[in-house]
Amino acid sequence: QFLPFLREERPDLVILAGDVFDRAIAPSGALRLFDSFLSGVSALG
């Protein structure tokens, strides 16, 4: 949903204002998801 929305909307800036993870030592699945999100947004420029 969110990455396709960004691809369609093409905003000039995205802000994620904290509490990316639910706890300080995040589980590996959450880390992988955030990593793929960073890659996805970066690929969109």
All heavy atoms as atom14 arrays in JSON, in Angstrom:
{
  "sequence": "QFLPFLREERPDLVILAGDVFDRAIAPSGALRLFDSFLSGVSALG",
  "atom14_mask": [
    [1, 1, 1, 1, 1, 1, 1, 1, 1, 0, 0, 0, 0, 0],
    [1, 1, 1, 1, 1, 1, 1, 1, 1, 1, 1, 0, 0, 0],
    [1, 1, 1, 1, 1, 1, 1, 1, 0, 0, 0, 0, 0, 0],
    [1, 1, 1, 1, 1, 1, 1, 0, 0, 0, 0, 0, 0, 0],
    [1, 1, 1, 1, 1, 1, 1, 1, 1, 1, 1, 0, 0, 0],
    [1, 1, 1, 1, 1, 1, 1, 1, 0, 0, 0, 0, 0, 0],
    [1, 1, 1, 1, 1, 1, 1, 1, 1, 1, 1, 0, 0, 0],
    [1, 1, 1, 1, 1, 1, 1, 1, 1, 0, 0, 0, 0, 0],
    [1, 1, 1, 1, 1, 1, 1, 1, 1, 0, 0, 0, 0, 0],
    [1, 1, 1, 1, 1, 1, 1, 1, 1, 1, 1, 0, 0, 0],
    [1, 1, 1, 1, 1, 1, 1, 0, 0, 0, 0, 0, 0, 0],
    [1, 1, 1, 1, 1, 1, 1, 1, 0, 0, 0, 0, 0, 0],
    [1, 1, 1, 1, 1, 1, 1, 1, 0, 0, 0, 0, 0, 0],
    [1, 1, 1, 1, 1, 1, 1, 0, 0, 0, 0, 0, 0, 0],
    [1, 1, 1, 1, 1, 1, 1, 1, 0, 0, 0, 0, 0, 0],
    [1, 1, 1, 1, 1, 1, 1, 1, 0, 0, 0, 0, 0, 0],
    [1, 1, 1, 1, 1, 0, 0, 0, 0, 0, 0, 0, 0, 0],
    [1, 1, 1, 1, 0, 0, 0, 0, 0, 0, 0, 0, 0, 0],
    [1, 1, 1, 1, 1, 1, 1, 1, 0, 0, 0, 0, 0, 0],
    [1, 1, 1, 1, 1, 1, 1, 0, 0, 0, 0, 0, 0, 0],
    [1, 1, 1, 1, 1, 1, 1, 1, 1, 1, 1, 0, 0, 0],
    [1, 1, 1, 1, 1, 1, 1, 1, 0, 0, 0, 0, 0, 0],
    [1, 1, 1, 1, 1, 1, 1, 1, 1, 1, 1, 0, 0, 0],
    [1, 1, 1, 1, 1, 0, 0, 0, 0, 0, 0, 0, 0, 0],
    [1, 1, 1, 1, 1, 1, 1, 1, 0, 0, 0, 0, 0, 0],
    [1, 1, 1, 1, 1, 0, 0, 0, 0, 0, 0, 0, 0, 0],
    [1, 1, 1, 1, 1, 1, 1, 0, 0, 0, 0, 0, 0, 0],
    [1, 1, 1, 1, 1, 1, 0, 0, 0, 0, 0, 0, 0, 0],
    [1, 1, 1, 1, 0, 0, 0, 0, 0, 0, 0, 0, 0, 0],
    [1, 1, 1, 1, 1, 0, 0, 0, 0, 0, 0, 0, 0, 0],
    [1, 1, 1, 1, 1, 1, 1, 1, 0, 0, 0, 0, 0, 0],
    [1, 1, 1, 1, 1, 1, 1, 1, 1, 1, 1, 0, 0, 0],
    [1, 1, 1, 1, 1, 1, 1, 1, 0, 0, 0, 0, 0, 0],
    [1, 1, 1, 1, 1, 1, 1, 1, 1, 1, 1, 0, 0, 0],
    [1, 1, 1, 1, 1, 1, 1, 1, 0, 0, 0, 0, 0, 0],
    [1, 1, 1, 1, 1, 1, 0, 0, 0, 0, 0, 0, 0, 0],
    [1, 1, 1, 1, 1, 1, 1, 1, 1, 1, 1, 0, 0, 0],
    [1, 1, 1, 1, 1, 1, 1, 1, 0, 0, 0, 0, 0, 0],
    [1, 1, 1, 1, 1, 1, 0, 0, 0, 0, 0, 0, 0, 0],
    [1, 1, 1, 1, 0, 0, 0, 0, 0, 0, 0, 0, 0, 0],
    [1, 1, 1, 1, 1, 1, 1, 0, 0, 0, 0, 0, 0, 0],
    [1, 1, 1, 1, 1, 1, 0, 0, 0, 0, 0, 0, 0, 0],
    [1, 1, 1, 1, 1, 0, 0, 0, 0, 0, 0, 0, 0, 0],
    [1, 1, 1, 1, 1, 1, 1, 1, 0, 0, 0, 0, 0, 0],
    [1, 1, 1, 1, 0, 0, 0, 0, 0, 0, 0, 0, 0, 0]
  ],
  "atom14_positions": [
    [[0.81, -1.22, 0.0], [0.0, 0.0, 0.0], [0.85, 1.27, 0.0], [0.71, 2.11, -0.9], [-0.94, -0.01, 1.22], [-1.96, -1.14, 1.17], [-2.87, -1.15, 2.39], [-2.44, -0.98, 3.54], [-4.15, -1.37, 2.16], [0.0, 0.0, 0.0], [0.0, 0.0, 0.0], [0.0, 0.0, 0.0], [0.0, 0.0, 0.0], [0.0, 0.0, 0.0]],
    [[1.73, 1.42, 1.0], [2.41, 2.7, 1.15], [3.44, 2.94, 0.04], [3.47, 4.02, -0.56], [3.07, 2.79, 2.53], [3.56, 4.17, 2.87], [2.71, 5.25, 2.85], [4.89, 4.39, 3.23], [3.16, 6.54, 3.16], [5.35, 5.66, 3.54], [4.48, 6.73, 3.5], [0.0, 0.0, 0.0], [0.0, 0.0, 0.0], [0.0, 0.0, 0.0]],
    [[4.28, 1.96, -0.25], [5.27, 2.15, -1.32], [4.6, 2.36, -2.68], [5.0, 3.27, -3.43], [6.25, 0.99, -1.36], [7.38, 1.05, -0.31], [8.18, -0.25, -0.31], [8.31, 2.23, -0.56], [0.0, 0.0, 0.0], [0.0, 0.0, 0.0], [0.0, 0.0, 0.0], [0.0, 0.0, 0.0], [0.0, 0.0, 0.0], [0.0, 0.0, 0.0]],
    [[3.58, 1.58, -3.05], [2.88, 1.88, -4.31], [2.23, 3.27, -4.3], [2.19, 3.94, -5.34], [1.82, 0.77, -4.4], [2.42, -0.37, -3.65], [3.16, 0.27, -2.5], [0.0, 0.0, 0.0], [0.0, 0.0, 0.0], [0.0, 0.0, 0.0], [0.0, 0.0, 0.0], [0.0, 0.0, 0.0], [0.0, 0.0, 0.0], [0.0, 0.0, 0.0]],
    [[1.72, 3.7, -3.14], [1.14, 5.05, -3.04], [2.21, 6.11, -3.31], [1.97, 7.08, -4.04], [0.55, 5.23, -1.64], [0.29, 6.66, -1.24], [-0.72, 7.39, -1.82], [1.09, 7.27, -0.28], [-0.95, 8.72, -1.46], [0.87, 8.59, 0.09], [-0.15, 9.32, -0.5], [0.0, 0.0, 0.0], [0.0, 0.0, 0.0], [0.0, 0.0, 0.0]],
    [[3.41, 5.94, -2.74], [4.48, 6.89, -2.99], [4.89, 6.88, -4.46], [5.18, 7.94, -5.04], [5.69, 6.57, -2.11], [5.51, 6.72, -0.6], [6.81, 6.37, 0.12], [5.07, 8.13, -0.23], [0.0, 0.0, 0.0], [0.0, 0.0, 0.0], [0.0, 0.0, 0.0], [0.0, 0.0, 0.0], [0.0, 0.0, 0.0], [0.0, 0.0, 0.0]],
    [[4.91, 5.7, -5.05], [5.27, 5.6, -6.47], [4.25, 6.34, -7.34], [4.61, 6.97, -8.33], [5.36, 4.13, -6.87], [5.87, 3.9, -8.28], [6.35, 2.48, -8.5], [5.33, 1.49, -8.16], [5.44, 0.59, -7.2], [6.51, 0.54, -6.45], [4.48, -0.28, -6.97], [0.0, 0.0, 0.0], [0.0, 0.0, 0.0], [0.0, 0.0, 0.0]],
    [[2.99, 6.29, -6.94], [1.93, 6.97, -7.7], [1.9, 8.47, -7.4], [1.75, 9.29, -8.31], [0.59, 6.33, -7.34], [-0.62, 7.03, -7.92], [-1.92, 6.47, -7.36], [-1.94, 5.29, -6.92], [-2.92, 7.2, -7.34], [0.0, 0.0, 0.0], [0.0, 0.0, 0.0], [0.0, 0.0, 0.0], [0.0, 0.0, 0.0], [0.0, 0.0, 0.0]],
    [[2.05, 8.83, -6.13], [1.89, 10.22, -5.71], [3.12, 11.08, -6.0], [3.02, 12.28, -6.21], [1.58, 10.25, -4.21], [1.02, 11.57, -3.69], [-0.42, 11.81, -4.08], [-1.09, 10.86, -4.55], [-0.87, 12.94, -3.94], [0.0, 0.0, 0.0], [0.0, 0.0, 0.0], [0.0, 0.0, 0.0], [0.0, 0.0, 0.0], [0.0, 0.0, 0.0]],
    [[4.3, 10.48, -5.93], [5.57, 11.16, -6.18], [5.71, 12.44, -5.35], [5.87, 13.54, -5.89], [5.72, 11.49, -7.67], [5.93, 10.27, -8.54], [7.32, 9.72, -8.33], [7.51, 8.44, -9.04], [8.64, 7.77, -9.07], [9.71, 8.23, -8.43], [8.74, 6.63, -9.71], [0.0, 0.0, 0.0], [0.0, 0.0, 0.0], [0.0, 0.0, 0.0]],
    [[5.68, 12.34, -4.01], [5.87, 13.53, -3.18], [7.31, 14.01, -3.26], [8.21, 13.29, -3.71], [5.53, 13.04, -1.77], [5.87, 11.59, -1.8], [5.52, 11.12, -3.19], [0.0, 0.0, 0.0], [0.0, 0.0, 0.0], [0.0, 0.0, 0.0], [0.0, 0.0, 0.0], [0.0, 0.0, 0.0], [0.0, 0.0, 0.0], [0.0, 0.0, 0.0]],
    [[7.54, 15.23, -2.8], [8.89, 15.79, -2.78], [9.66, 15.38, -1.54], [10.89, 15.5, -1.5], [8.81, 17.32, -2.87], [8.14, 17.78, -4.15], [8.73, 17.57, -5.22], [7.03, 18.33, -4.08], [0.0, 0.0, 0.0], [0.0, 0.0, 0.0], [0.0, 0.0, 0.0], [0.0, 0.0, 0.0], [0.0, 0.0, 0.0], [0.0, 0.0, 0.0]],
    [[8.93, 14.93, -0.5], [9.57, 14.58, 0.77], [8.64, 13.67, 1.56], [7.42, 13.86, 1.55], [9.87, 15.84, 1.58], [10.44, 15.68, 2.99], [11.81, 15.03, 2.96], [10.51, 17.04, 3.69], [0.0, 0.0, 0.0], [0.0, 0.0, 0.0], [0.0, 0.0, 0.0], [0.0, 0.0, 0.0], [0.0, 0.0, 0.0], [0.0, 0.0, 0.0]],
    [[9.22, 12.68, 2.25], [8.48, 11.81, 3.17], [9.09, 11.95, 4.55], [10.32, 11.9, 4.7], [8.52, 10.34, 2.73], [7.79, 9.45, 3.74], [7.91, 10.17, 1.34], [0.0, 0.0, 0.0], [0.0, 0.0, 0.0], [0.0, 0.0, 0.0], [0.0, 0.0, 0.0], [0.0, 0.0, 0.0], [0.0, 0.0, 0.0], [0.0, 0.0, 0.0]],
    [[8.25, 12.14, 5.57], [8.71, 12.2, 6.96], [8.06, 11.07, 7.74], [6.84, 10.91, 7.73], [8.37, 13.56, 7.61], [9.17, 14.69, 6.96], [8.64, 13.52, 9.12], [8.84, 16.07, 7.52], [0.0, 0.0, 0.0], [0.0, 0.0, 0.0], [0.0, 0.0, 0.0], [0.0, 0.0, 0.0], [0.0, 0.0, 0.0], [0.0, 0.0, 0.0]],
    [[8.87, 10.28, 8.43], [8.42, 9.24, 9.35], [8.82, 9.7, 10.75], [9.99, 9.65, 11.13], [9.07, 7.9, 8.99], [8.81, 6.68, 9.87], [7.35, 6.52, 10.2], [9.35, 5.42, 9.21], [0.0, 0.0, 0.0], [0.0, 0.0, 0.0], [0.0, 0.0, 0.0], [0.0, 0.0, 0.0], [0.0, 0.0, 0.0], [0.0, 0.0, 0.0]],
    [[7.82, 10.16, 11.51], [8.09, 10.92, 12.73], [8.16, 10.06, 13.99], [7.53, 10.37, 15.01], [7.03, 12.02, 12.9], [0.0, 0.0, 0.0], [0.0, 0.0, 0.0], [0.0, 0.0, 0.0], [0.0, 0.0, 0.0], [0.0, 0.0, 0.0], [0.0, 0.0, 0.0], [0.0, 0.0, 0.0], [0.0, 0.0, 0.0], [0.0, 0.0, 0.0]],
    [[8.96, 9.01, 13.95], [9.29, 8.29, 15.17], [8.45, 7.08, 15.47], [7.39, 6.84, 14.89], [0.0, 0.0, 0.0], [0.0, 0.0, 0.0], [0.0, 0.0, 0.0], [0.0, 0.0, 0.0], [0.0, 0.0, 0.0], [0.0, 0.0, 0.0], [0.0, 0.0, 0.0], [0.0, 0.0, 0.0], [0.0, 0.0, 0.0], [0.0, 0.0, 0.0]],
    [[8.94, 6.27, 16.43], [8.38, 4.97, 16.78], [8.25, 4.1, 15.54], [7.19, 3.54, 15.23], [7.04, 5.12, 17.51], [7.22, 5.5, 18.97], [8.38, 5.54, 19.44], [6.21, 5.75, 19.66], [0.0, 0.0, 0.0], [0.0, 0.0, 0.0], [0.0, 0.0, 0.0], [0.0, 0.0, 0.0], [0.0, 0.0, 0.0], [0.0, 0.0, 0.0]],
    [[9.36, 4.0, 14.84], [9.44, 3.09, 13.69], [9.24, 1.66, 14.17], [8.5, 0.88, 13.56], [10.8, 3.24, 12.99], [10.92, 2.23, 11.84], [11.02, 4.65, 12.5], [0.0, 0.0, 0.0], [0.0, 0.0, 0.0], [0.0, 0.0, 0.0], [0.0, 0.0, 0.0], [0.0, 0.0, 0.0], [0.0, 0.0, 0.0], [0.0, 0.0, 0.0]],
    [[9.88, 1.31, 15.28], [9.79, -0.03, 15.86], [9.0, 0.01, 17.16], [8.84, 1.07, 17.77], [11.2, -0.58, 16.11], [12.05, -0.65, 14.87], [13.08, 0.25, 14.67], [11.8, -1.6, 13.9], [13.87, 0.19, 13.54], [12.58, -1.67, 12.75], [13.62, -0.76, 12.56], [0.0, 0.0, 0.0], [0.0, 0.0, 0.0], [0.0, 0.0, 0.0]],
    [[8.54, -1.16, 17.58], [7.75, -1.21, 18.81], [8.63, -1.31, 20.05], [8.17, -1.02, 21.15], [6.79, -2.4, 18.75], [5.75, -2.33, 19.85], [5.06, -1.3, 19.94], [5.63, -3.31, 20.64], [0.0, 0.0, 0.0], [0.0, 0.0, 0.0], [0.0, 0.0, 0.0], [0.0, 0.0, 0.0], [0.0, 0.0, 0.0], [0.0, 0.0, 0.0]],
    [[9.87, -1.72, 19.87], [10.78, -1.78, 21.03], [12.2, -1.55, 20.55], [12.51, -1.68, 19.36], [10.66, -3.11, 21.76], [10.81, -4.36, 20.91], [10.49, -5.6, 21.74], [10.69, -6.84, 21.03], [9.77, -7.44, 20.3], [8.57, -6.86, 20.18], [10.01, -8.59, 19.7], [0.0, 0.0, 0.0], [0.0, 0.0, 0.0], [0.0, 0.0, 0.0]],
    [[13.05, -1.2, 21.5], [14.41, -0.78, 21.17], [15.2, -1.87, 20.45], [15.94, -1.59, 19.5], [15.15, -0.35, 22.44], [0.0, 0.0, 0.0], [0.0, 0.0, 0.0], [0.0, 0.0, 0.0], [0.0, 0.0, 0.0], [0.0, 0.0, 0.0], [0.0, 0.0, 0.0], [0.0, 0.0, 0.0], [0.0, 0.0, 0.0], [0.0, 0.0, 0.0]],
    [[15.05, -3.12, 20.89], [15.7, -4.24, 20.21], [14.62, -4.9, 19.36], [13.88, -5.78, 19.82], [16.33, -5.22, 21.21], [17.35, -4.49, 22.09], [17.01, -6.37, 20.48], [17.99, -5.35, 23.15], [0.0, 0.0, 0.0], [0.0, 0.0, 0.0], [0.0, 0.0, 0.0], [0.0, 0.0, 0.0], [0.0, 0.0, 0.0], [0.0, 0.0, 0.0]],
    [[14.52, -4.47, 18.13], [13.44, -4.91, 17.24], [13.69, -6.32, 16.73], [14.84, -6.72, 16.54], [13.31, -3.93, 16.07], [0.0, 0.0, 0.0], [0.0, 0.0, 0.0], [0.0, 0.0, 0.0], [0.0, 0.0, 0.0], [0.0, 0.0, 0.0], [0.0, 0.0, 0.0], [0.0, 0.0, 0.0], [0.0, 0.0, 0.0], [0.0, 0.0, 0.0]],
    [[12.64, -7.1, 16.49], [12.81, -8.44, 15.93], [13.33, -8.37, 14.5], [13.18, -7.36, 13.81], [11.4, -9.04, 15.98], [10.48, -7.87, 16.06], [11.22, -6.79, 16.78], [0.0, 0.0, 0.0], [0.0, 0.0, 0.0], [0.0, 0.0, 0.0], [0.0, 0.0, 0.0], [0.0, 0.0, 0.0], [0.0, 0.0, 0.0], [0.0, 0.0, 0.0]],
    [[13.94, -9.47, 14.04], [14.6, -9.47, 12.74], [13.64, -9.18, 11.6], [13.99, -8.5, 10.63], [15.3, -10.81, 12.51], [14.37, -11.88, 12.58], [0.0, 0.0, 0.0], [0.0, 0.0, 0.0], [0.0, 0.0, 0.0], [0.0, 0.0, 0.0], [0.0, 0.0, 0.0], [0.0, 0.0, 0.0], [0.0, 0.0, 0.0], [0.0, 0.0, 0.0]],
    [[12.39, -9.68, 11.69], [11.42, -9.43, 10.64], [11.1, -7.95, 10.5], [10.92, -7.44, 9.39], [0.0, 0.0, 0.0], [0.0, 0.0, 0.0], [0.0, 0.0, 0.0], [0.0, 0.0, 0.0], [0.0, 0.0, 0.0], [0.0, 0.0, 0.0], [0.0, 0.0, 0.0], [0.0, 0.0, 0.0], [0.0, 0.0, 0.0], [0.0, 0.0, 0.0]],
    [[11.03, -7.24, 11.64], [10.77, -5.8, 11.6], [11.95, -5.06, 10.99], [11.76, -4.1, 10.22], [10.5, -5.3, 13.01], [0.0, 0.0, 0.0], [0.0, 0.0, 0.0], [0.0, 0.0, 0.0], [0.0, 0.0, 0.0], [0.0, 0.0, 0.0], [0.0, 0.0, 0.0], [0.0, 0.0, 0.0], [0.0, 0.0, 0.0], [0.0, 0.0, 0.0]],
    [[13.16, -5.49, 11.32], [14.35, -4.85, 10.75], [14.41, -5.05, 9.23], [14.73, -4.12, 8.49], [15.61, -5.43, 11.4], [15.81, -5.1, 12.89], [16.96, -5.92, 13.45], [16.07, -3.62, 13.09], [0.0, 0.0, 0.0], [0.0, 0.0, 0.0], [0.0, 0.0, 0.0], [0.0, 0.0, 0.0], [0.0, 0.0, 0.0], [0.0, 0.0, 0.0]],
    [[14.07, -6.26, 8.79], [14.09, -6.52, 7.35], [13.03, -5.69, 6.63], [13.28, -5.19, 5.52], [13.87, -8.02, 7.08], [15.1, -8.87, 7.33], [14.91, -10.27, 6.77], [13.88, -10.99, 7.5], [14.12, -11.8, 8.53], [15.36, -11.97, 8.96], [13.14, -12.43, 9.14], [0.0, 0.0, 0.0], [0.0, 0.0, 0.0], [0.0, 0.0, 0.0]],
    [[11.87, -5.54, 7.24], [10.82, -4.75, 6.62], [11.23, -3.29, 6.49], [11.03, -2.66, 5.44], [9.52, -4.88, 7.43], [8.32, -4.07, 6.92], [8.0, -4.43, 5.47], [7.11, -4.31, 7.81], [0.0, 0.0, 0.0], [0.0, 0.0, 0.0], [0.0, 0.0, 0.0], [0.0, 0.0, 0.0], [0.0, 0.0, 0.0], [0.0, 0.0, 0.0]],
    [[11.83, -2.75, 7.54], [12.28, -1.36, 7.49], [13.39, -1.19, 6.46], [13.43, -0.19, 5.71], [12.76, -0.91, 8.87], [13.15, 0.55, 8.94], [12.27, 1.54, 8.56], [14.41, 0.92, 9.39], [12.63, 2.88, 8.63], [14.77, 2.25, 9.46], [13.88, 3.23, 9.08], [0.0, 0.0, 0.0], [0.0, 0.0, 0.0], [0.0, 0.0, 0.0]],
    [[14.28, -2.16, 6.39], [15.36, -2.11, 5.41], [14.81, -2.09, 3.99], [15.27, -1.32, 3.13], [16.29, -3.31, 5.61], [17.42, -3.33, 4.6], [18.26, -2.42, 4.61], [17.47, -4.28, 3.79], [0.0, 0.0, 0.0], [0.0, 0.0, 0.0], [0.0, 0.0, 0.0], [0.0, 0.0, 0.0], [0.0, 0.0, 0.0], [0.0, 0.0, 0.0]],
    [[13.81, -2.93, 3.73], [13.22, -2.95, 2.39], [12.48, -1.66, 2.1], [12.45, -1.2, 0.95], [12.28, -4.15, 2.24], [11.13, -4.0, 3.04], [0.0, 0.0, 0.0], [0.0, 0.0, 0.0], [0.0, 0.0, 0.0], [0.0, 0.0, 0.0], [0.0, 0.0, 0.0], [0.0, 0.0, 0.0], [0.0, 0.0, 0.0], [0.0, 0.0, 0.0]],
    [[11.88, -1.05, 3.13], [11.22, 0.24, 2.93], [12.24, 1.31, 2.55], [12.0, 2.1, 1.61], [10.48, 0.64, 4.21], [9.98, 2.07, 4.19], [8.98, 2.47, 3.33], [10.54, 3.02, 5.04], [8.53, 3.78, 3.29], [10.1, 4.33, 5.02], [9.09, 4.72, 4.15], [0.0, 0.0, 0.0], [0.0, 0.0, 0.0], [0.0, 0.0, 0.0]],
    [[13.37, 1.36, 3.26], [14.41, 2.33, 2.93], [14.88, 2.14, 1.49], [15.05, 3.12, 0.74], [15.59, 2.21, 3.89], [15.34, 2.54, 5.36], [16.63, 2.38, 6.16], [14.79, 3.94, 5.54], [0.0, 0.0, 0.0], [0.0, 0.0, 0.0], [0.0, 0.0, 0.0], [0.0, 0.0, 0.0], [0.0, 0.0, 0.0], [0.0, 0.0, 0.0]],
    [[15.09, 0.9, 1.1], [15.53, 0.62, -0.27], [14.49, 1.06, -1.28], [14.82, 1.62, -2.33], [15.82, -0.88, -0.44], [16.85, -1.3, 0.42], [0.0, 0.0, 0.0], [0.0, 0.0, 0.0], [0.0, 0.0, 0.0], [0.0, 0.0, 0.0], [0.0, 0.0, 0.0], [0.0, 0.0, 0.0], [0.0, 0.0, 0.0], [0.0, 0.0, 0.0]],
    [[13.22, 0.8, -0.95], [12.14, 1.16, -1.87], [12.01, 2.65, -2.09], [11.87, 3.12, -3.22], [0.0, 0.0, 0.0], [0.0, 0.0, 0.0], [0.0, 0.0, 0.0], [0.0, 0.0, 0.0], [0.0, 0.0, 0.0], [0.0, 0.0, 0.0], [0.0, 0.0, 0.0], [0.0, 0.0, 0.0], [0.0, 0.0, 0.0], [0.0, 0.0, 0.0]],
    [[12.07, 3.42, -1.0], [11.96, 4.88, -1.12], [13.18, 5.44, -1.84], [13.07, 6.33, -2.68], [11.79, 5.53, 0.26], [11.76, 7.05, 0.14], [10.5, 5.05, 0.92], [0.0, 0.0, 0.0], [0.0, 0.0, 0.0], [0.0, 0.0, 0.0], [0.0, 0.0, 0.0], [0.0, 0.0, 0.0], [0.0, 0.0, 0.0], [0.0, 0.0, 0.0]],
    [[14.35, 4.91, -1.5], [15.58, 5.37, -2.16], [15.52, 5.11, -3.66], [15.93, 5.94, -4.47], [16.8, 4.68, -1.55], [17.98, 5.08, -2.18], [0.0, 0.0, 0.0], [0.0, 0.0, 0.0], [0.0, 0.0, 0.0], [0.0, 0.0, 0.0], [0.0, 0.0, 0.0], [0.0, 0.0, 0.0], [0.0, 0.0, 0.0], [0.0, 0.0, 0.0]],
    [[14.98, 3.94, -4.05], [14.87, 3.61, -5.47], [13.93, 4.56, -6.2], [14.1, 4.82, -7.39], [14.4, 2.17, -5.63], [0.0, 0.0, 0.0], [0.0, 0.0, 0.0], [0.0, 0.0, 0.0], [0.0, 0.0, 0.0], [0.0, 0.0, 0.0], [0.0, 0.0, 0.0], [0.0, 0.0, 0.0], [0.0, 0.0, 0.0], [0.0, 0.0, 0.0]],
    [[12.94, 5.08, -5.48], [12.02, 6.04, -6.09], [12.61, 7.43, -6.2], [12.03, 8.3, -6.86], [10.72, 6.09, -5.26], [9.86, 4.82, -5.27], [8.71, 4.94, -4.27], [9.32, 4.54, -6.66], [0.0, 0.0, 0.0], [0.0, 0.0, 0.0], [0.0, 0.0, 0.0], [0.0, 0.0, 0.0], [0.0, 0.0, 0.0], [0.0, 0.0, 0.0]],
    [[13.75, 7.65, -5.53], [14.39, 8.97, -5.59], [13.69, 10.03, -4.77], [13.84, 11.23, -5.05], [0.0, 0.0, 0.0], [0.0, 0.0, 0.0], [0.0, 0.0, 0.0], [0.0, 0.0, 0.0], [0.0, 0.0, 0.0], [0.0, 0.0, 0.0], [0.0, 0.0, 0.0], [0.0, 0.0, 0.0], [0.0, 0.0, 0.0], [0.0, 0.0, 0.0]]
  ]
}
